[in-house]
């Protein structure tokens, strides 16, 4: 009975359909690597499994990450394993509705984080990776929150995320005409163009880094 109710809740709230979504990443107009997110769903919620591989200024970087969301798309658990030529840090986040326990890349002792005073939800977003940003249009659309608490796993820090409700952003070339934009103002400026029917991001841009992820459509 409980699993039936959970599945009904999942069906009633939109999220990108189960599939593997692939993206090409560029920095300053030059291709640097590839990112992918595989979405699956079961009675416990939604799982996003990420793989990325890139070369930034000649340095090879790769990562795997797993983000588990509850029936309302609130994050429940995140784990990441990152690889550079000199380090292989692992991070983890375990969350409840009001608190989070984070083990960052540079702080082996668990850190306790609470929701910001004006927030009702957490999001888990690792800069440079895809899973948290991929989930964001569906999460904010479901919650209707004006502000949420953004946790960065590597630094074990939390900041307030604020979206612009009426952005004036030029549509990039190649973005489908039917896409809508989600414009994040804080803590990092990010624009996400996504299909409003499937909630699948087609392009994610971080202007301050001249970084772009574009969905492959082969």
N, C-alpha and C. Protein backbone atom coordinates (compact mmCIF):
# COMPACT_ATOMS: atom_id res chain seq x y z
N UNK A 1 0.84 -1.21 0.00
CA UNK A 1 0.00 0.00 0.00
C UNK A 1 0.86 1.25 0.00
N UNK A 2 1.91 1.28 0.86
CA UNK A 2 2.78 2.45 0.92
C UNK A 2 3.50 2.67 -0.40
N UNK A 3 4.01 1.57 -1.01
CA UNK A 3 4.72 1.73 -2.28
C UNK A 3 3.79 2.24 -3.36
N UNK A 4 2.52 1.83 -3.34
CA UNK A 4 1.55 2.31 -4.32
C UNK A 4 1.32 3.81 -4.17
N UNK A 5 1.21 4.27 -2.92
CA UNK A 5 1.02 5.70 -2.68
C UNK A 5 2.23 6.49 -3.14
N UNK A 6 3.43 5.97 -2.89
CA UNK A 6 4.64 6.67 -3.30
C UNK A 6 4.74 6.76 -4.81
N UNK A 7 4.42 5.66 -5.49
CA UNK A 7 4.44 5.69 -6.95
C UNK A 7 3.41 6.66 -7.50
N UNK A 8 2.25 6.74 -6.86
CA UNK A 8 1.23 7.70 -7.29
C UNK A 8 1.72 9.12 -7.12
N UNK A 9 2.44 9.38 -6.03
CA UNK A 9 2.98 10.72 -5.82
C UNK A 9 4.01 11.06 -6.87
N UNK A 10 4.85 10.09 -7.24
CA UNK A 10 5.84 10.33 -8.29
C UNK A 10 5.16 10.64 -9.61
N UNK A 11 4.11 9.87 -9.94
CA UNK A 11 3.42 10.07 -11.21
C UNK A 11 2.73 11.42 -11.28
N UNK A 12 2.31 11.94 -10.13
CA UNK A 12 1.55 13.18 -10.11
C UNK A 12 2.45 14.41 -10.24
N UNK A 13 3.75 14.24 -10.02
CA UNK A 13 4.67 15.36 -10.08
C UNK A 13 5.67 15.12 -11.19
N UNK A 14 5.90 16.11 -12.05
CA UNK A 14 6.70 15.90 -13.25
C UNK A 14 8.19 15.86 -12.94
N UNK A 15 8.89 14.99 -13.66
CA UNK A 15 10.34 14.90 -13.62
C UNK A 15 10.78 14.34 -14.96
N UNK A 16 12.00 14.65 -15.41
CA UNK A 16 12.46 14.05 -16.67
C UNK A 16 12.30 12.54 -16.66
N UNK A 17 11.80 11.97 -17.76
CA UNK A 17 11.54 10.52 -17.80
C UNK A 17 12.83 9.70 -17.63
N UNK A 18 12.70 8.48 -17.12
CA UNK A 18 13.86 7.60 -17.00
C UNK A 18 14.57 7.42 -18.35
N UNK A 19 15.85 7.69 -18.38
CA UNK A 19 16.66 7.60 -19.60
C UNK A 19 18.06 8.07 -19.25
N UNK A 20 18.97 7.94 -20.21
CA UNK A 20 20.30 8.52 -20.07
C UNK A 20 20.38 9.77 -20.94
N UNK A 21 20.75 10.88 -20.34
CA UNK A 21 20.83 12.17 -21.02
C UNK A 21 22.31 12.56 -21.12
N UNK A 22 22.75 12.87 -22.34
CA UNK A 22 24.17 13.13 -22.58
C UNK A 22 24.38 14.58 -23.00
N UNK A 23 25.50 15.15 -22.54
CA UNK A 23 25.79 16.56 -22.78
C UNK A 23 27.26 16.72 -23.18
N UNK A 24 27.49 17.72 -24.03
CA UNK A 24 28.84 18.12 -24.39
C UNK A 24 29.16 19.41 -23.65
N UNK A 25 30.34 19.47 -23.04
CA UNK A 25 30.74 20.65 -22.29
C UNK A 25 31.78 21.45 -23.05
N UNK A 26 31.66 22.78 -22.98
CA UNK A 26 32.66 23.66 -23.59
C UNK A 26 33.05 24.76 -22.62
N UNK A 27 34.25 25.25 -22.79
CA UNK A 27 34.79 26.33 -21.97
C UNK A 27 35.43 27.33 -22.91
N UNK A 28 34.90 28.56 -22.90
CA UNK A 28 35.43 29.57 -23.82
C UNK A 28 35.24 29.19 -25.26
N UNK A 29 34.19 28.42 -25.56
CA UNK A 29 33.91 28.02 -26.93
C UNK A 29 34.64 26.77 -27.38
N UNK A 30 35.52 26.21 -26.55
CA UNK A 30 36.27 25.00 -26.90
C UNK A 30 35.69 23.80 -26.16
N UNK A 31 35.45 22.72 -26.90
CA UNK A 31 34.93 21.51 -26.25
C UNK A 31 35.95 20.97 -25.26
N UNK A 32 35.47 20.62 -24.05
CA UNK A 32 36.38 20.12 -23.02
C UNK A 32 36.03 18.73 -22.54
N UNK A 33 34.82 18.23 -22.85
CA UNK A 33 34.50 16.90 -22.36
C UNK A 33 33.03 16.56 -22.49
N UNK A 34 32.65 15.48 -21.81
CA UNK A 34 31.27 15.00 -21.90
C UNK A 34 30.74 14.69 -20.50
N UNK A 35 29.44 14.89 -20.35
CA UNK A 35 28.72 14.65 -19.10
C UNK A 35 27.49 13.81 -19.41
N UNK A 36 27.07 12.97 -18.50
CA UNK A 36 25.82 12.23 -18.68
C UNK A 36 25.13 12.04 -17.34
N UNK A 37 23.80 11.99 -17.39
CA UNK A 37 22.98 11.69 -16.22
C UNK A 37 21.98 10.61 -16.61
N UNK A 38 21.95 9.54 -15.82
CA UNK A 38 20.96 8.48 -16.03
C UNK A 38 19.90 8.59 -14.93
N UNK A 39 18.65 8.75 -15.35
CA UNK A 39 17.53 8.90 -14.43
C UNK A 39 16.79 7.57 -14.32
N UNK A 40 16.51 7.15 -13.09
CA UNK A 40 15.66 5.98 -12.85
C UNK A 40 14.74 6.29 -11.68
N UNK A 41 13.63 5.55 -11.60
CA UNK A 41 12.64 5.77 -10.55
C UNK A 41 12.16 4.45 -9.99
N UNK A 42 11.87 4.45 -8.70
CA UNK A 42 11.25 3.30 -8.07
C UNK A 42 10.36 3.81 -6.94
N UNK A 43 9.87 2.91 -6.11
CA UNK A 43 8.94 3.29 -5.04
C UNK A 43 9.58 4.21 -4.02
N UNK A 44 10.92 4.22 -3.94
CA UNK A 44 11.60 5.06 -2.96
C UNK A 44 11.83 6.48 -3.45
N UNK A 45 11.75 6.70 -4.76
CA UNK A 45 12.00 8.04 -5.29
C UNK A 45 12.70 8.01 -6.62
N UNK A 46 13.58 8.97 -6.84
CA UNK A 46 14.26 9.15 -8.12
C UNK A 46 15.77 9.12 -7.89
N UNK A 47 16.48 8.40 -8.79
CA UNK A 47 17.93 8.32 -8.71
C UNK A 47 18.55 8.94 -9.97
N UNK A 48 19.61 9.72 -9.76
CA UNK A 48 20.37 10.29 -10.86
C UNK A 48 21.82 9.82 -10.71
N UNK A 49 22.31 9.12 -11.74
CA UNK A 49 23.69 8.64 -11.74
C UNK A 49 24.46 9.42 -12.81
N UNK A 50 25.52 10.10 -12.37
CA UNK A 50 26.28 10.97 -13.27
C UNK A 50 27.66 10.41 -13.55
N UNK A 51 28.10 10.59 -14.81
CA UNK A 51 29.47 10.32 -15.21
C UNK A 51 29.97 11.51 -16.01
N UNK A 52 31.17 11.95 -15.73
CA UNK A 52 31.74 13.05 -16.50
C UNK A 52 33.22 12.80 -16.74
N UNK A 53 33.71 13.33 -17.85
CA UNK A 53 35.12 13.22 -18.20
C UNK A 53 35.49 14.45 -19.00
N UNK A 54 36.55 15.14 -18.57
CA UNK A 54 36.92 16.39 -19.23
C UNK A 54 38.42 16.61 -19.15
N UNK A 55 38.89 17.52 -19.99
CA UNK A 55 40.28 17.99 -19.92
C UNK A 55 40.23 19.50 -19.87
N UNK A 56 40.62 20.07 -18.74
CA UNK A 56 40.57 21.52 -18.53
C UNK A 56 42.00 22.04 -18.49
N UNK A 57 42.34 22.89 -19.47
CA UNK A 57 43.70 23.43 -19.57
C UNK A 57 44.74 22.31 -19.53
N UNK A 58 44.43 21.22 -20.21
CA UNK A 58 45.35 20.10 -20.29
C UNK A 58 45.32 19.15 -19.11
N UNK A 59 44.49 19.41 -18.11
CA UNK A 59 44.41 18.55 -16.93
C UNK A 59 43.22 17.61 -17.05
N UNK A 60 43.43 16.29 -17.04
CA UNK A 60 42.31 15.35 -17.12
C UNK A 60 41.54 15.30 -15.80
N UNK A 61 40.23 15.38 -15.90
CA UNK A 61 39.35 15.35 -14.73
C UNK A 61 38.20 14.40 -15.03
N UNK A 62 37.75 13.68 -14.02
CA UNK A 62 36.58 12.83 -14.20
C UNK A 62 35.85 12.70 -12.88
N UNK A 63 34.60 12.28 -12.96
CA UNK A 63 33.80 12.18 -11.74
C UNK A 63 32.64 11.22 -11.97
N UNK A 64 32.26 10.56 -10.89
CA UNK A 64 30.98 9.86 -10.83
C UNK A 64 30.23 10.40 -9.62
N UNK A 65 28.92 10.46 -9.74
CA UNK A 65 28.12 10.98 -8.63
C UNK A 65 26.75 10.32 -8.66
N UNK A 66 26.17 10.21 -7.48
CA UNK A 66 24.83 9.64 -7.34
C UNK A 66 24.00 10.58 -6.47
N UNK A 67 22.85 10.98 -6.99
CA UNK A 67 21.93 11.86 -6.27
C UNK A 67 20.59 11.15 -6.15
N UNK A 68 20.14 10.95 -4.91
CA UNK A 68 18.87 10.28 -4.65
C UNK A 68 17.87 11.31 -4.15
N UNK A 69 16.70 11.35 -4.78
CA UNK A 69 15.64 12.30 -4.43
C UNK A 69 14.44 11.55 -3.88
N UNK A 70 13.77 12.14 -2.90
CA UNK A 70 12.56 11.55 -2.35
C UNK A 70 11.37 11.77 -3.27
N UNK A 71 10.18 11.32 -2.87
CA UNK A 71 8.99 11.45 -3.72
C UNK A 71 8.64 12.88 -4.09
N UNK A 72 9.04 13.87 -3.26
CA UNK A 72 8.78 15.27 -3.61
C UNK A 72 10.00 15.92 -4.25
N UNK A 73 10.98 15.10 -4.65
CA UNK A 73 12.22 15.53 -5.30
C UNK A 73 13.19 16.23 -4.36
N UNK A 74 12.91 16.26 -3.07
CA UNK A 74 13.89 16.77 -2.12
C UNK A 74 15.06 15.78 -2.05
N UNK A 75 16.31 16.26 -2.01
CA UNK A 75 17.45 15.34 -1.96
C UNK A 75 17.49 14.58 -0.65
N UNK A 76 17.80 13.31 -0.76
CA UNK A 76 17.92 12.43 0.40
C UNK A 76 19.38 12.03 0.64
N UNK A 77 20.11 11.83 -0.46
CA UNK A 77 21.49 11.36 -0.33
C UNK A 77 22.27 11.73 -1.59
N UNK A 78 23.53 12.11 -1.40
CA UNK A 78 24.44 12.38 -2.51
C UNK A 78 25.79 11.77 -2.19
N UNK A 79 26.39 11.17 -3.19
CA UNK A 79 27.77 10.71 -3.04
C UNK A 79 28.52 11.01 -4.32
N UNK A 80 29.78 11.42 -4.18
CA UNK A 80 30.58 11.75 -5.34
C UNK A 80 32.00 11.25 -5.19
N UNK A 81 32.56 10.77 -6.29
CA UNK A 81 33.95 10.36 -6.35
C UNK A 81 34.60 11.09 -7.52
N UNK A 82 35.57 11.92 -7.21
CA UNK A 82 36.17 12.80 -8.20
C UNK A 82 37.64 12.43 -8.38
N UNK A 83 38.15 12.59 -9.61
CA UNK A 83 39.53 12.20 -9.89
C UNK A 83 40.26 13.31 -10.64
N UNK A 84 41.42 13.68 -10.12
CA UNK A 84 42.34 14.60 -10.77
C UNK A 84 43.69 13.88 -10.85
N UNK A 85 44.68 14.45 -11.55
CA UNK A 85 45.98 13.77 -11.60
C UNK A 85 46.62 13.55 -10.23
N UNK A 86 46.27 14.36 -9.24
CA UNK A 86 46.95 14.25 -7.95
C UNK A 86 46.04 13.84 -6.79
N UNK A 87 44.72 13.87 -6.98
CA UNK A 87 43.81 13.59 -5.88
C UNK A 87 42.61 12.79 -6.36
N UNK A 88 42.01 12.05 -5.43
CA UNK A 88 40.77 11.32 -5.71
C UNK A 88 39.82 11.50 -4.53
N UNK A 89 39.31 12.72 -4.34
CA UNK A 89 38.45 12.98 -3.17
C UNK A 89 37.08 12.32 -3.31
N UNK A 90 36.51 11.97 -2.18
CA UNK A 90 35.14 11.45 -2.11
C UNK A 90 34.34 12.35 -1.19
N UNK A 91 33.09 12.59 -1.54
CA UNK A 91 32.22 13.45 -0.73
C UNK A 91 30.89 12.74 -0.53
N UNK A 92 30.17 13.16 0.51
CA UNK A 92 28.85 12.59 0.74
C UNK A 92 27.97 13.60 1.47
N UNK A 93 26.67 13.50 1.20
CA UNK A 93 25.67 14.33 1.88
C UNK A 93 24.48 13.43 2.21
N UNK A 94 24.06 13.45 3.45
CA UNK A 94 22.84 12.74 3.87
C UNK A 94 21.90 13.78 4.45
N UNK A 95 20.65 13.78 3.97
CA UNK A 95 19.74 14.87 4.29
C UNK A 95 18.44 14.39 4.89
N UNK A 96 17.87 15.24 5.76
CA UNK A 96 16.49 15.14 6.19
C UNK A 96 15.78 16.38 5.64
N UNK A 97 14.55 16.60 6.02
CA UNK A 97 13.83 17.76 5.54
C UNK A 97 14.37 19.07 6.09
N UNK A 98 15.12 19.02 7.19
CA UNK A 98 15.56 20.26 7.83
C UNK A 98 17.05 20.33 8.11
N UNK A 99 17.80 19.25 7.88
CA UNK A 99 19.23 19.27 8.18
C UNK A 99 19.98 18.36 7.23
N UNK A 100 21.29 18.56 7.19
CA UNK A 100 22.14 17.76 6.32
C UNK A 100 23.46 17.49 7.02
N UNK A 101 24.01 16.30 6.75
CA UNK A 101 25.33 15.94 7.25
C UNK A 101 26.24 15.79 6.04
N UNK A 102 27.30 16.61 5.99
CA UNK A 102 28.16 16.68 4.81
C UNK A 102 29.58 16.29 5.18
N UNK A 103 30.16 15.42 4.36
CA UNK A 103 31.60 15.14 4.44
C UNK A 103 32.20 15.65 3.15
N UNK A 104 32.94 16.74 3.24
CA UNK A 104 33.50 17.40 2.08
C UNK A 104 34.84 16.82 1.66
N UNK A 105 35.37 17.34 0.56
CA UNK A 105 36.63 16.84 0.03
C UNK A 105 37.81 17.21 0.91
N UNK A 106 37.70 18.31 1.63
CA UNK A 106 38.84 18.80 2.40
C UNK A 106 38.55 18.83 3.91
N UNK A 107 37.42 18.23 4.30
CA UNK A 107 37.07 18.22 5.73
C UNK A 107 36.51 16.84 6.08
N UNK A 108 37.36 15.91 6.51
CA UNK A 108 36.90 14.55 6.77
C UNK A 108 35.91 14.44 7.91
N UNK A 109 35.87 15.44 8.79
CA UNK A 109 34.89 15.42 9.88
C UNK A 109 33.52 15.85 9.35
N UNK A 110 32.47 15.12 9.68
CA UNK A 110 31.13 15.50 9.21
C UNK A 110 30.74 16.90 9.68
N UNK A 111 30.09 17.64 8.80
CA UNK A 111 29.60 18.96 9.15
C UNK A 111 28.08 18.97 9.09
N UNK A 112 27.45 19.54 10.11
CA UNK A 112 26.00 19.64 10.17
C UNK A 112 25.55 20.98 9.58
N UNK A 113 24.57 20.91 8.68
CA UNK A 113 24.06 22.11 8.02
C UNK A 113 22.55 22.15 8.21
N UNK A 114 22.03 23.31 8.55
CA UNK A 114 20.59 23.51 8.69
C UNK A 114 20.06 24.34 7.53
N UNK A 115 18.77 24.25 7.30
CA UNK A 115 18.13 25.08 6.28
C UNK A 115 18.31 26.56 6.62
N UNK A 116 18.49 27.39 5.57
CA UNK A 116 18.45 28.83 5.78
C UNK A 116 17.09 29.22 6.36
N UNK A 117 17.07 30.35 7.04
CA UNK A 117 15.86 30.78 7.75
C UNK A 117 14.65 30.89 6.83
N UNK A 118 14.86 31.33 5.58
CA UNK A 118 13.74 31.55 4.67
C UNK A 118 13.54 30.41 3.69
N UNK A 119 14.20 29.27 3.91
CA UNK A 119 14.11 28.15 2.98
C UNK A 119 13.28 27.02 3.56
N UNK A 120 12.70 26.23 2.63
CA UNK A 120 11.95 25.04 3.02
C UNK A 120 12.54 23.77 2.42
N UNK A 121 13.53 23.93 1.54
CA UNK A 121 14.12 22.77 0.87
C UNK A 121 15.62 22.98 0.67
N UNK A 122 16.34 21.85 0.61
CA UNK A 122 17.73 21.82 0.18
C UNK A 122 17.80 21.46 -1.30
N UNK A 123 18.88 21.89 -1.95
CA UNK A 123 19.33 21.30 -3.20
C UNK A 123 20.82 20.99 -3.03
N UNK A 124 21.30 19.97 -3.73
CA UNK A 124 22.70 19.59 -3.68
C UNK A 124 23.28 19.77 -5.08
N UNK A 125 24.19 20.73 -5.21
CA UNK A 125 24.75 21.07 -6.52
C UNK A 125 26.25 21.20 -6.39
N UNK A 126 26.96 20.39 -7.16
CA UNK A 126 28.42 20.45 -7.20
C UNK A 126 28.83 21.26 -8.41
N UNK A 127 29.46 22.43 -8.21
CA UNK A 127 29.90 23.22 -9.37
C UNK A 127 30.79 22.39 -10.29
N UNK A 128 30.50 22.48 -11.58
CA UNK A 128 31.25 21.70 -12.56
C UNK A 128 30.62 20.37 -12.90
N UNK A 129 29.67 19.93 -12.08
CA UNK A 129 28.98 18.68 -12.36
C UNK A 129 27.52 18.95 -12.71
N UNK A 130 26.81 17.91 -13.11
CA UNK A 130 25.53 18.10 -13.79
C UNK A 130 24.31 17.70 -12.98
N UNK A 131 24.40 16.66 -12.16
CA UNK A 131 23.18 16.05 -11.60
C UNK A 131 22.29 17.04 -10.87
N UNK A 132 22.87 17.86 -9.98
CA UNK A 132 22.06 18.80 -9.21
C UNK A 132 21.40 19.85 -10.07
N UNK A 133 22.10 20.35 -11.07
CA UNK A 133 21.52 21.34 -11.98
C UNK A 133 20.47 20.70 -12.88
N UNK A 134 20.69 19.46 -13.29
CA UNK A 134 19.72 18.74 -14.12
C UNK A 134 18.37 18.64 -13.40
N UNK A 135 18.41 18.39 -12.10
CA UNK A 135 17.17 18.21 -11.34
C UNK A 135 16.48 19.52 -10.99
N UNK A 136 17.18 20.63 -11.09
CA UNK A 136 16.69 21.89 -10.54
C UNK A 136 15.37 22.38 -11.15
N UNK A 137 15.17 22.36 -12.47
CA UNK A 137 13.87 22.83 -12.98
C UNK A 137 12.69 22.06 -12.42
N UNK A 138 12.82 20.74 -12.30
CA UNK A 138 11.73 19.94 -11.74
C UNK A 138 11.53 20.23 -10.26
N UNK A 139 12.63 20.38 -9.52
CA UNK A 139 12.51 20.66 -8.09
C UNK A 139 11.84 21.99 -7.83
N UNK A 140 12.34 23.06 -8.44
CA UNK A 140 11.76 24.38 -8.18
C UNK A 140 10.34 24.48 -8.71
N UNK A 141 10.07 23.79 -9.81
CA UNK A 141 8.71 23.79 -10.33
C UNK A 141 7.73 23.10 -9.40
N UNK A 142 8.19 22.03 -8.74
CA UNK A 142 7.32 21.30 -7.82
C UNK A 142 7.12 22.05 -6.52
N UNK A 143 8.17 22.72 -6.04
CA UNK A 143 8.12 23.34 -4.72
C UNK A 143 7.54 24.75 -4.73
N UNK A 144 7.70 25.46 -5.84
CA UNK A 144 7.26 26.87 -5.92
C UNK A 144 7.94 27.73 -4.86
N UNK A 145 9.18 27.40 -4.53
CA UNK A 145 9.93 28.17 -3.54
C UNK A 145 10.66 29.32 -4.20
N UNK A 146 10.69 30.47 -3.54
CA UNK A 146 11.46 31.60 -4.05
C UNK A 146 12.93 31.49 -3.67
N UNK A 147 13.23 30.70 -2.65
CA UNK A 147 14.61 30.51 -2.22
C UNK A 147 14.76 29.13 -1.62
N UNK A 148 15.90 28.49 -1.90
CA UNK A 148 16.22 27.20 -1.30
C UNK A 148 17.66 27.25 -0.80
N UNK A 149 18.06 26.25 -0.05
CA UNK A 149 19.42 26.19 0.49
C UNK A 149 20.28 25.30 -0.39
N UNK A 150 21.29 25.89 -1.02
CA UNK A 150 22.21 25.19 -1.93
C UNK A 150 23.38 24.66 -1.13
N UNK A 151 23.58 23.35 -1.15
CA UNK A 151 24.74 22.71 -0.52
C UNK A 151 25.75 22.33 -1.59
N UNK A 152 27.00 22.75 -1.41
CA UNK A 152 28.11 22.35 -2.27
C UNK A 152 28.88 21.24 -1.57
N UNK A 153 28.83 20.00 -2.05
CA UNK A 153 29.46 18.90 -1.33
C UNK A 153 30.97 19.06 -1.12
N UNK A 154 31.70 19.48 -2.14
CA UNK A 154 33.16 19.54 -2.01
C UNK A 154 33.60 20.44 -0.86
N UNK A 155 33.01 21.63 -0.77
CA UNK A 155 33.40 22.58 0.26
C UNK A 155 32.63 22.41 1.56
N UNK A 156 31.58 21.56 1.54
CA UNK A 156 30.72 21.38 2.72
C UNK A 156 30.14 22.70 3.19
N UNK A 157 29.80 23.57 2.21
CA UNK A 157 29.24 24.87 2.53
C UNK A 157 27.79 24.95 2.04
N UNK A 158 27.02 25.83 2.64
CA UNK A 158 25.64 26.06 2.23
C UNK A 158 25.41 27.54 2.01
N UNK A 159 24.67 27.86 0.96
CA UNK A 159 24.32 29.25 0.64
C UNK A 159 22.88 29.29 0.15
N UNK A 160 22.31 30.48 0.14
CA UNK A 160 20.95 30.65 -0.34
C UNK A 160 20.93 30.71 -1.86
N UNK A 161 20.07 29.91 -2.48
CA UNK A 161 19.86 29.97 -3.92
C UNK A 161 18.62 30.81 -4.20
N UNK A 162 18.77 31.79 -5.07
CA UNK A 162 17.65 32.63 -5.46
C UNK A 162 17.53 32.65 -6.97
N UNK A 163 16.31 32.48 -7.47
CA UNK A 163 16.04 32.52 -8.90
C UNK A 163 15.37 33.83 -9.27
N UNK A 164 15.62 34.29 -10.50
CA UNK A 164 14.98 35.49 -11.02
C UNK A 164 13.63 35.07 -11.61
N UNK A 165 12.51 35.56 -11.05
CA UNK A 165 11.20 35.12 -11.54
C UNK A 165 10.84 35.67 -12.91
N UNK A 166 11.52 36.72 -13.36
CA UNK A 166 11.19 37.32 -14.66
C UNK A 166 12.48 37.68 -15.39
N UNK A 167 13.26 36.67 -15.79
CA UNK A 167 14.55 36.96 -16.42
C UNK A 167 14.39 37.51 -17.83
N UNK A 168 15.33 38.35 -18.22
CA UNK A 168 15.40 38.84 -19.60
C UNK A 168 16.71 38.31 -20.18
N UNK A 169 16.61 37.12 -20.79
CA UNK A 169 17.79 36.42 -21.28
C UNK A 169 17.59 36.08 -22.74
N UNK A 170 18.57 36.43 -23.58
CA UNK A 170 18.47 36.13 -25.01
C UNK A 170 18.58 34.62 -25.22
N UNK A 171 17.73 34.09 -26.09
CA UNK A 171 17.75 32.65 -26.38
C UNK A 171 18.99 32.32 -27.19
N UNK A 172 19.85 31.42 -26.70
CA UNK A 172 21.05 31.06 -27.46
C UNK A 172 20.70 30.33 -28.74
N UNK A 173 21.56 30.43 -29.72
CA UNK A 173 21.38 29.69 -30.97
C UNK A 173 21.37 28.20 -30.65
N UNK A 174 20.43 27.48 -31.27
CA UNK A 174 20.35 26.04 -31.07
C UNK A 174 19.41 25.60 -29.98
N UNK A 175 18.98 26.52 -29.11
CA UNK A 175 18.02 26.16 -28.06
C UNK A 175 16.63 26.08 -28.70
N UNK A 176 15.90 24.98 -28.50
CA UNK A 176 14.57 24.85 -29.12
C UNK A 176 13.65 26.02 -28.79
N UNK A 177 12.82 26.38 -29.76
CA UNK A 177 11.95 27.55 -29.62
C UNK A 177 10.97 27.41 -28.46
N UNK A 178 10.60 26.19 -28.11
CA UNK A 178 9.63 26.00 -27.04
C UNK A 178 10.23 25.96 -25.65
N UNK A 179 11.56 26.00 -25.54
CA UNK A 179 12.19 25.94 -24.23
C UNK A 179 11.92 27.21 -23.42
N UNK A 180 11.91 27.05 -22.11
CA UNK A 180 11.81 28.18 -21.18
C UNK A 180 13.10 28.23 -20.36
N UNK A 181 13.32 29.36 -19.70
CA UNK A 181 14.59 29.55 -19.00
C UNK A 181 14.38 29.65 -17.49
N UNK A 182 15.29 29.02 -16.77
CA UNK A 182 15.40 29.19 -15.32
C UNK A 182 16.69 29.96 -15.08
N UNK A 183 16.58 31.12 -14.46
CA UNK A 183 17.74 31.99 -14.25
C UNK A 183 18.06 32.06 -12.76
N UNK A 184 19.21 31.50 -12.39
CA UNK A 184 19.67 31.53 -11.00
C UNK A 184 20.58 32.74 -10.82
N UNK A 185 20.31 33.52 -9.78
CA UNK A 185 21.10 34.72 -9.52
C UNK A 185 22.16 34.50 -8.46
N UNK A 186 21.84 33.73 -7.43
CA UNK A 186 22.75 33.45 -6.32
C UNK A 186 22.70 31.97 -5.97
N UNK A 187 23.81 31.41 -5.48
CA UNK A 187 25.11 32.02 -5.20
C UNK A 187 26.00 32.16 -6.43
N UNK A 188 25.61 31.49 -7.54
CA UNK A 188 26.34 31.58 -8.81
C UNK A 188 25.31 31.83 -9.89
N UNK A 189 25.62 32.74 -10.81
CA UNK A 189 24.71 32.99 -11.92
C UNK A 189 24.73 31.80 -12.88
N UNK A 190 23.56 31.20 -13.09
CA UNK A 190 23.41 30.05 -13.98
C UNK A 190 22.11 30.21 -14.74
N UNK A 191 22.13 29.92 -16.03
CA UNK A 191 20.89 29.88 -16.80
C UNK A 191 20.69 28.46 -17.31
N UNK A 192 19.46 27.96 -17.16
CA UNK A 192 19.11 26.62 -17.60
C UNK A 192 17.93 26.72 -18.56
N UNK A 193 18.15 26.38 -19.83
CA UNK A 193 17.07 26.32 -20.81
C UNK A 193 16.56 24.89 -20.83
N UNK A 194 15.25 24.71 -20.64
CA UNK A 194 14.71 23.36 -20.52
C UNK A 194 13.35 23.25 -21.20
N UNK A 195 13.01 22.02 -21.57
CA UNK A 195 11.72 21.72 -22.18
C UNK A 195 10.66 21.75 -21.08
N UNK A 196 9.64 22.62 -21.17
CA UNK A 196 8.66 22.72 -20.09
C UNK A 196 7.75 21.50 -19.98
N UNK A 197 7.72 20.65 -21.00
CA UNK A 197 6.89 19.45 -20.95
C UNK A 197 7.60 18.28 -20.27
N UNK A 198 8.87 18.11 -20.58
CA UNK A 198 9.63 17.00 -20.00
C UNK A 198 10.51 17.44 -18.83
N UNK A 199 10.77 18.74 -18.72
CA UNK A 199 11.67 19.33 -17.72
C UNK A 199 13.12 18.90 -17.92
N UNK A 200 13.45 18.45 -19.12
CA UNK A 200 14.83 18.07 -19.44
C UNK A 200 15.62 19.31 -19.86
N UNK A 201 16.73 19.64 -19.19
CA UNK A 201 17.55 20.76 -19.63
C UNK A 201 18.18 20.50 -21.00
N UNK A 202 18.13 21.51 -21.87
CA UNK A 202 18.79 21.44 -23.17
C UNK A 202 20.11 22.19 -23.18
N UNK A 203 20.21 23.24 -22.38
CA UNK A 203 21.47 23.99 -22.30
C UNK A 203 21.60 24.60 -20.91
N UNK A 204 22.79 24.46 -20.34
CA UNK A 204 23.11 25.04 -19.03
C UNK A 204 24.34 25.91 -19.22
N UNK A 205 24.24 27.17 -18.78
CA UNK A 205 25.33 28.12 -18.98
C UNK A 205 25.73 28.76 -17.65
N UNK A 206 27.03 28.83 -17.42
CA UNK A 206 27.59 29.57 -16.28
C UNK A 206 28.39 30.73 -16.87
N UNK A 207 27.77 31.92 -17.00
CA UNK A 207 28.42 33.03 -17.72
C UNK A 207 29.77 33.43 -17.14
N UNK A 208 29.91 33.42 -15.81
CA UNK A 208 31.15 33.89 -15.21
C UNK A 208 32.35 33.02 -15.59
N UNK A 209 32.09 31.77 -15.96
CA UNK A 209 33.17 30.86 -16.36
C UNK A 209 33.18 30.61 -17.86
N UNK A 210 32.25 31.25 -18.59
CA UNK A 210 32.10 31.02 -20.03
C UNK A 210 31.97 29.52 -20.31
N UNK A 211 31.23 28.83 -19.41
CA UNK A 211 31.06 27.39 -19.51
C UNK A 211 29.65 27.06 -19.96
N UNK A 212 29.53 26.06 -20.86
CA UNK A 212 28.23 25.69 -21.41
C UNK A 212 28.15 24.17 -21.50
N UNK A 213 27.01 23.62 -21.10
CA UNK A 213 26.67 22.23 -21.33
C UNK A 213 25.49 22.18 -22.29
N UNK A 214 25.64 21.46 -23.40
CA UNK A 214 24.59 21.36 -24.41
C UNK A 214 24.19 19.91 -24.57
N UNK A 215 22.89 19.68 -24.51
CA UNK A 215 22.38 18.31 -24.62
C UNK A 215 22.60 17.76 -26.02
N UNK A 216 23.10 16.52 -26.08
CA UNK A 216 23.27 15.84 -27.36
C UNK A 216 21.93 15.23 -27.78
N UNK A 217 21.61 15.32 -29.05
CA UNK A 217 20.31 14.86 -29.53
C UNK A 217 20.46 13.85 -30.67
N UNK A 218 21.45 12.99 -30.60
CA UNK A 218 21.66 12.00 -31.66
C UNK A 218 20.66 10.86 -31.54
